[in-house]
Amino acid sequence: MSKKRDMQRLIRAWKDESGEQEIDMQKVAQYALKKGWPMPQPKSPVELLAKQFADAAREEIGRDPKTGRPYRVYHAVPVQSGQMTFYTWWDINEAPRKVMHKSLVNRREQMIGDGLQLTLDASYWNSKHPDEEPIALPMDLSLDIEWRLNAPDDNEDAA
């Protein structure tokens, strides 16, 4: 059985034992610790610092000098090395087309995955609550994107 499945079973056991519906993962972690769950090994200072740099890179926003619109300066690109995947970062102003295409396609795939799971979750909830108004969320985001492209930019860091 996989570690994640074991963790999911432990969450269910905590819910059954505590009787709580709202799940506080801090409480679940304390419960797991009491049950003898092995604690994870802390990351090295270099790994923590690299994560902080990645977070900072992800948040850096530039402005298109022609339109004034914001864009993300750095883009992550997955790189496979054996069975490990890691990310390299590219400045959008220097990234070759092949690299930038890979980064953008990867982000689009994440959006598709999120949209699929959102649709499945809403469909399941709607089927379990037939006496309530169904939750319907359109997946065509084109109009929403168009509205935001043409809305006043209240947020200097938007991107």
C-alpha atoms as a PDB file:
ATOM      1  CA  MET A   1       0.000   0.000   0.000  1.00  0.00           C
ATOM      2  CA  SER A   2       1.299   3.449  -0.819  1.00  0.00           C
ATOM      3  CA  LYS A   3       2.227   6.026   1.793  1.00  0.00           C
ATOM      4  CA  LYS A   4      -0.517   8.378   0.574  1.00  0.00           C
ATOM      5  CA  ARG A   5      -3.169   5.667   0.905  1.00  0.00           C
ATOM      6  CA  ASP A   6      -1.932   4.936   4.430  1.00  0.00           C
ATOM      7  CA  MET A   7      -2.191   8.645   5.205  1.00  0.00           C
ATOM      8  CA  GLN A   8      -5.720   8.770   3.767  1.00  0.00           C
ATOM      9  CA  ARG A   9      -6.705   5.840   5.999  1.00  0.00           C
ATOM     10  CA  LEU A  10      -5.228   7.658   8.992  1.00  0.00           C
ATOM     11  CA  ILE A  11      -7.273  10.777   8.183  1.00  0.00           C
ATOM     12  CA  ARG A  12     -10.418   8.612   8.095  1.00  0.00           C
ATOM     13  CA  ALA A  13      -9.422   6.962  11.407  1.00  0.00           C
ATOM     14  CA  TRP A  14      -8.908  10.392  13.000  1.00  0.00           C
ATOM     15  CA  LYS A  15     -12.338  11.523  11.726  1.00  0.00           C
ATOM     16  CA  ASP A  16     -13.972   8.350  13.069  1.00  0.00           C
ATOM     17  CA  GLU A  17     -12.243   8.643  16.435  1.00  0.00           C
ATOM     18  CA  SER A  18     -12.652  12.411  16.886  1.00  0.00           C
ATOM     19  CA  GLY A  19     -16.164  12.652  15.423  1.00  0.00           C
ATOM     20  CA  GLU A  20     -15.177  15.947  13.754  1.00  0.00           C
ATOM     21  CA  GLN A  21     -16.271  16.773  10.219  1.00  0.00           C
ATOM     22  CA  GLU A  22     -13.973  19.741   9.665  1.00  0.00           C
ATOM     23  CA  ILE A  23     -10.459  18.361   9.311  1.00  0.00           C
ATOM     24  CA  ASP A  24      -7.573  20.239  10.907  1.00  0.00           C
ATOM     25  CA  MET A  25      -4.403  18.643   9.504  1.00  0.00           C
ATOM     26  CA  GLN A  26      -2.424  19.815  12.535  1.00  0.00           C
ATOM     27  CA  LYS A  27      -4.713  17.662  14.688  1.00  0.00           C
ATOM     28  CA  VAL A  28      -4.364  14.768  12.241  1.00  0.00           C
ATOM     29  CA  ALA A  29      -0.557  15.082  12.361  1.00  0.00           C
ATOM     30  CA  GLN A  30      -0.622  15.047  16.174  1.00  0.00           C
ATOM     31  CA  TYR A  31      -2.870  11.978  16.048  1.00  0.00           C
ATOM     32  CA  ALA A  32      -0.481  10.305  13.586  1.00  0.00           C
ATOM     33  CA  LEU A  33       2.482  11.076  15.822  1.00  0.00           C
ATOM     34  CA  LYS A  34       0.714   9.462  18.797  1.00  0.00           C
ATOM     35  CA  LYS A  35      -0.007   6.410  16.617  1.00  0.00           C
ATOM     36  CA  GLY A  36       3.710   6.040  15.837  1.00  0.00           C
ATOM     37  CA  TRP A  37       3.727   7.531  12.356  1.00  0.00           C
ATOM     38  CA  PRO A  38       7.356   8.230  11.371  1.00  0.00           C
ATOM     39  CA  MET A  39       8.166  11.921  11.242  1.00  0.00           C
ATOM     40  CA  PRO A  40       9.524  13.233   7.937  1.00  0.00           C
ATOM     41  CA  GLN A  41      13.152  14.194   7.690  1.00  0.00           C
ATOM     42  CA  PRO A  42      13.635  17.958   7.551  1.00  0.00           C
ATOM     43  CA  LYS A  43      15.003  19.440   4.369  1.00  0.00           C
ATOM     44  CA  SER A  44      18.555  20.709   4.276  1.00  0.00           C
ATOM     45  CA  PRO A  45      19.173  24.449   4.598  1.00  0.00           C
ATOM     46  CA  VAL A  46      20.177  24.520   0.902  1.00  0.00           C
ATOM     47  CA  GLU A  47      16.889  22.831  -0.135  1.00  0.00           C
ATOM     48  CA  LEU A  48      14.915  25.321   1.965  1.00  0.00           C
ATOM     49  CA  LEU A  49      16.822  28.253   0.494  1.00  0.00           C
ATOM     50  CA  ALA A  50      16.339  26.935  -3.062  1.00  0.00           C
ATOM     51  CA  LYS A  51      12.575  26.728  -2.405  1.00  0.00           C
ATOM     52  CA  GLN A  52      12.595  30.332  -1.174  1.00  0.00           C
ATOM     53  CA  PHE A  53      14.420  31.415  -4.330  1.00  0.00           C
ATOM     54  CA  ALA A  54      11.905  29.494  -6.481  1.00  0.00           C
ATOM     55  CA  ASP A  55       9.030  31.204  -4.646  1.00  0.00           C
ATOM     56  CA  ALA A  56      10.656  34.606  -5.184  1.00  0.00           C
ATOM     57  CA  ALA A  57      11.236  33.839  -8.883  1.00  0.00           C
ATOM     58  CA  ARG A  58       7.620  32.717  -9.314  1.00  0.00           C
ATOM     59  CA  GLU A  59       6.398  36.033  -7.897  1.00  0.00           C
ATOM     60  CA  GLU A  60       8.610  38.432  -9.873  1.00  0.00           C
ATOM     61  CA  ILE A  61       6.466  40.549 -12.161  1.00  0.00           C
ATOM     62  CA  GLY A  62       7.630  42.652 -15.089  1.00  0.00           C
ATOM     63  CA  ARG A  63       5.622  45.144 -17.124  1.00  0.00           C
ATOM     64  CA  ASP A  64       5.285  45.062 -20.879  1.00  0.00           C
ATOM     65  CA  PRO A  65       6.718  48.449 -21.940  1.00  0.00           C
ATOM     66  CA  LYS A  66       4.204  48.696 -24.819  1.00  0.00           C
ATOM     67  CA  THR A  67       0.993  47.797 -22.964  1.00  0.00           C
ATOM     68  CA  GLY A  68       1.919  48.201 -19.308  1.00  0.00           C
ATOM     69  CA  ARG A  69       0.434  44.772 -18.639  1.00  0.00           C
ATOM     70  CA  PRO A  70       2.110  42.513 -16.104  1.00  0.00           C
ATOM     71  CA  TYR A  71       3.900  39.280 -16.974  1.00  0.00           C
ATOM     72  CA  ARG A  72       5.793  36.692 -14.971  1.00  0.00           C
ATOM     73  CA  VAL A  73       9.523  37.185 -15.428  1.00  0.00           C
ATOM     74  CA  TYR A  74      10.680  33.673 -14.530  1.00  0.00           C
ATOM     75  CA  HIS A  75       9.164  30.442 -15.814  1.00  0.00           C
ATOM     76  CA  ALA A  76       9.747  26.929 -14.495  1.00  0.00           C
ATOM     77  CA  VAL A  77      10.485  24.097 -16.897  1.00  0.00           C
ATOM     78  CA  PRO A  78      10.385  20.463 -15.740  1.00  0.00           C
ATOM     79  CA  VAL A  79      13.532  18.467 -16.460  1.00  0.00           C
ATOM     80  CA  GLN A  80      13.656  14.683 -16.148  1.00  0.00           C
ATOM     81  CA  SER A  81      16.833  13.147 -14.723  1.00  0.00           C
ATOM     82  CA  GLY A  82      16.417   9.403 -14.333  1.00  0.00           C
ATOM     83  CA  GLN A  83      13.302   8.984 -12.204  1.00  0.00           C
ATOM     84  CA  MET A  84      13.650  12.437 -10.655  1.00  0.00           C
ATOM     85  CA  THR A  85      11.968  15.552 -11.967  1.00  0.00           C
ATOM     86  CA  PHE A  86      13.369  18.936 -11.093  1.00  0.00           C
ATOM     87  CA  TYR A  87      12.759  22.410 -12.433  1.00  0.00           C
ATOM     88  CA  THR A  88      15.012  24.898 -14.095  1.00  0.00           C
ATOM     89  CA  TRP A  89      13.995  28.523 -14.316  1.00  0.00           C
ATOM     90  CA  TRP A  90      14.171  30.773 -17.345  1.00  0.00           C
ATOM     91  CA  ASP A  91      13.837  34.528 -17.707  1.00  0.00           C
ATOM     92  CA  ILE A  92      11.022  35.094 -20.216  1.00  0.00           C
ATOM     93  CA  ASN A  93      13.230  37.630 -22.023  1.00  0.00           C
ATOM     94  CA  GLU A  94      15.938  35.015 -22.631  1.00  0.00           C
ATOM     95  CA  ALA A  95      14.012  31.738 -22.961  1.00  0.00           C
ATOM     96  CA  PRO A  96      14.166  30.086 -26.379  1.00  0.00           C
ATOM     97  CA  ARG A  97      10.786  29.344 -27.957  1.00  0.00           C
ATOM     98  CA  LYS A  98      11.053  25.588 -27.265  1.00  0.00           C
ATOM     99  CA  VAL A  99      11.623  26.176 -23.543  1.00  0.00           C
ATOM    100  CA  MET A 100       8.909  28.832 -23.232  1.00  0.00           C
ATOM    101  CA  HIS A 101       6.443  26.640 -25.123  1.00  0.00           C
ATOM    102  CA  LYS A 102       7.157  23.751 -22.736  1.00  0.00           C
ATOM    103  CA  SER A 103       6.614  25.997 -19.704  1.00  0.00           C
ATOM    104  CA  LEU A 104       3.337  27.423 -21.023  1.00  0.00           C
ATOM    105  CA  VAL A 105       2.003  24.015 -22.092  1.00  0.00           C
ATOM    106  CA  ASN A 106       2.866  22.655 -18.638  1.00  0.00           C
ATOM    107  CA  ARG A 107       0.914  25.462 -16.947  1.00  0.00           C
ATOM    108  CA  ARG A 108      -2.024  24.918 -19.331  1.00  0.00           C
ATOM    109  CA  GLU A 109      -2.022  21.191 -18.494  1.00  0.00           C
ATOM    110  CA  GLN A 110      -2.220  22.113 -14.807  1.00  0.00           C
ATOM    111  CA  MET A 111      -5.274  24.268 -15.565  1.00  0.00           C
ATOM    112  CA  ILE A 112      -6.910  21.407 -17.476  1.00  0.00           C
ATOM    113  CA  GLY A 113      -6.247  19.016 -14.599  1.00  0.00           C
ATOM    114  CA  ASP A 114      -7.755  21.500 -12.149  1.00  0.00           C
ATOM    115  CA  GLY A 115     -10.789  22.008 -14.400  1.00  0.00           C
ATOM    116  CA  LEU A 116     -11.347  18.276 -14.798  1.00  0.00           C
ATOM    117  CA  GLN A 117     -11.147  17.625 -11.066  1.00  0.00           C
ATOM    118  CA  LEU A 118     -13.398  20.616 -10.321  1.00  0.00           C
ATOM    119  CA  THR A 119     -15.981  19.237 -12.784  1.00  0.00           C
ATOM    120  CA  LEU A 120     -15.816  15.749 -11.246  1.00  0.00           C
ATOM    121  CA  ASP A 121     -16.103  17.137  -7.698  1.00  0.00           C
ATOM    122  CA  ALA A 122     -19.079  19.352  -8.578  1.00  0.00           C
ATOM    123  CA  SER A 123     -20.805  16.504 -10.421  1.00  0.00           C
ATOM    124  CA  TYR A 124     -20.369  14.179  -7.447  1.00  0.00           C
ATOM    125  CA  TRP A 125     -21.605  16.798  -4.938  1.00  0.00           C
ATOM    126  CA  ASN A 126     -24.609  17.556  -7.160  1.00  0.00           C
ATOM    127  CA  SER A 127     -25.475  13.840  -7.339  1.00  0.00           C
ATOM    128  CA  LYS A 128     -25.303  13.542  -3.534  1.00  0.00           C
ATOM    129  CA  HIS A 129     -27.558  16.603  -3.032  1.00  0.00           C
ATOM    130  CA  PRO A 130     -30.386  16.206  -5.578  1.00  0.00           C
ATOM    131  CA  ASP A 131     -32.781  18.384  -3.543  1.00  0.00           C
ATOM    132  CA  GLU A 132     -30.465  21.403  -3.666  1.00  0.00           C
ATOM    133  CA  GLU A 133     -29.708  23.720  -6.564  1.00  0.00           C
ATOM    134  CA  PRO A 134     -26.881  22.135  -8.535  1.00  0.00           C
ATOM    135  CA  ILE A 135     -23.526  23.876  -8.499  1.00  0.00           C
ATOM    136  CA  ALA A 136     -22.678  24.702 -12.107  1.00  0.00           C
ATOM    137  CA  LEU A 137     -19.324  26.224 -12.985  1.00  0.00           C
ATOM    138  CA  PRO A 138     -18.594  26.905 -16.659  1.00  0.00           C
ATOM    139  CA  MET A 139     -15.221  25.615 -17.816  1.00  0.00           C
ATOM    140  CA  ASP A 140     -14.907  27.947 -20.795  1.00  0.00           C
ATOM    141  CA  LEU A 141     -12.812  30.658 -19.175  1.00  0.00           C
ATOM    142  CA  SER A 142     -12.403  32.755 -22.327  1.00  0.00           C
ATOM    143  CA  LEU A 143     -14.885  35.457 -21.322  1.00  0.00           C
ATOM    144  CA  ASP A 144     -13.499  35.656 -17.782  1.00  0.00           C
ATOM    145  CA  ILE A 145      -9.980  36.096 -19.163  1.00  0.00           C
ATOM    146  CA  GLU A 146     -11.188  38.716 -21.628  1.00  0.00           C
ATOM    147  CA  TRP A 147     -12.905  40.661 -18.825  1.00  0.00           C
ATOM    148  CA  ARG A 148      -9.768  40.610 -16.716  1.00  0.00           C
ATOM    149  CA  LEU A 149      -7.578  41.620 -19.638  1.00  0.00           C
ATOM    150  CA  ASN A 150      -9.771  44.680 -20.110  1.00  0.00           C
ATOM    151  CA  ALA A 151     -10.394  45.518 -16.451  1.00  0.00           C
ATOM    152  CA  PRO A 152      -8.531  48.352 -14.773  1.00  0.00           C
ATOM    153  CA  ASP A 153      -5.335  47.044 -13.173  1.00  0.00           C
ATOM    154  CA  ASP A 154      -5.898  47.653  -9.460  1.00  0.00           C
ATOM    155  CA  ASN A 155      -3.183  45.220  -8.447  1.00  0.00           C
ATOM    156  CA  GLU A 156       0.380  46.184  -9.324  1.00  0.00           C
ATOM    157  CA  ASP A 157       1.482  42.559  -8.822  1.00  0.00           C
ATOM    158  CA  ALA A 158      -1.222  40.934 -10.947  1.00  0.00           C
ATOM    159  CA  ALA A 159      -0.045  38.194 -13.279  1.00  0.00           C
END
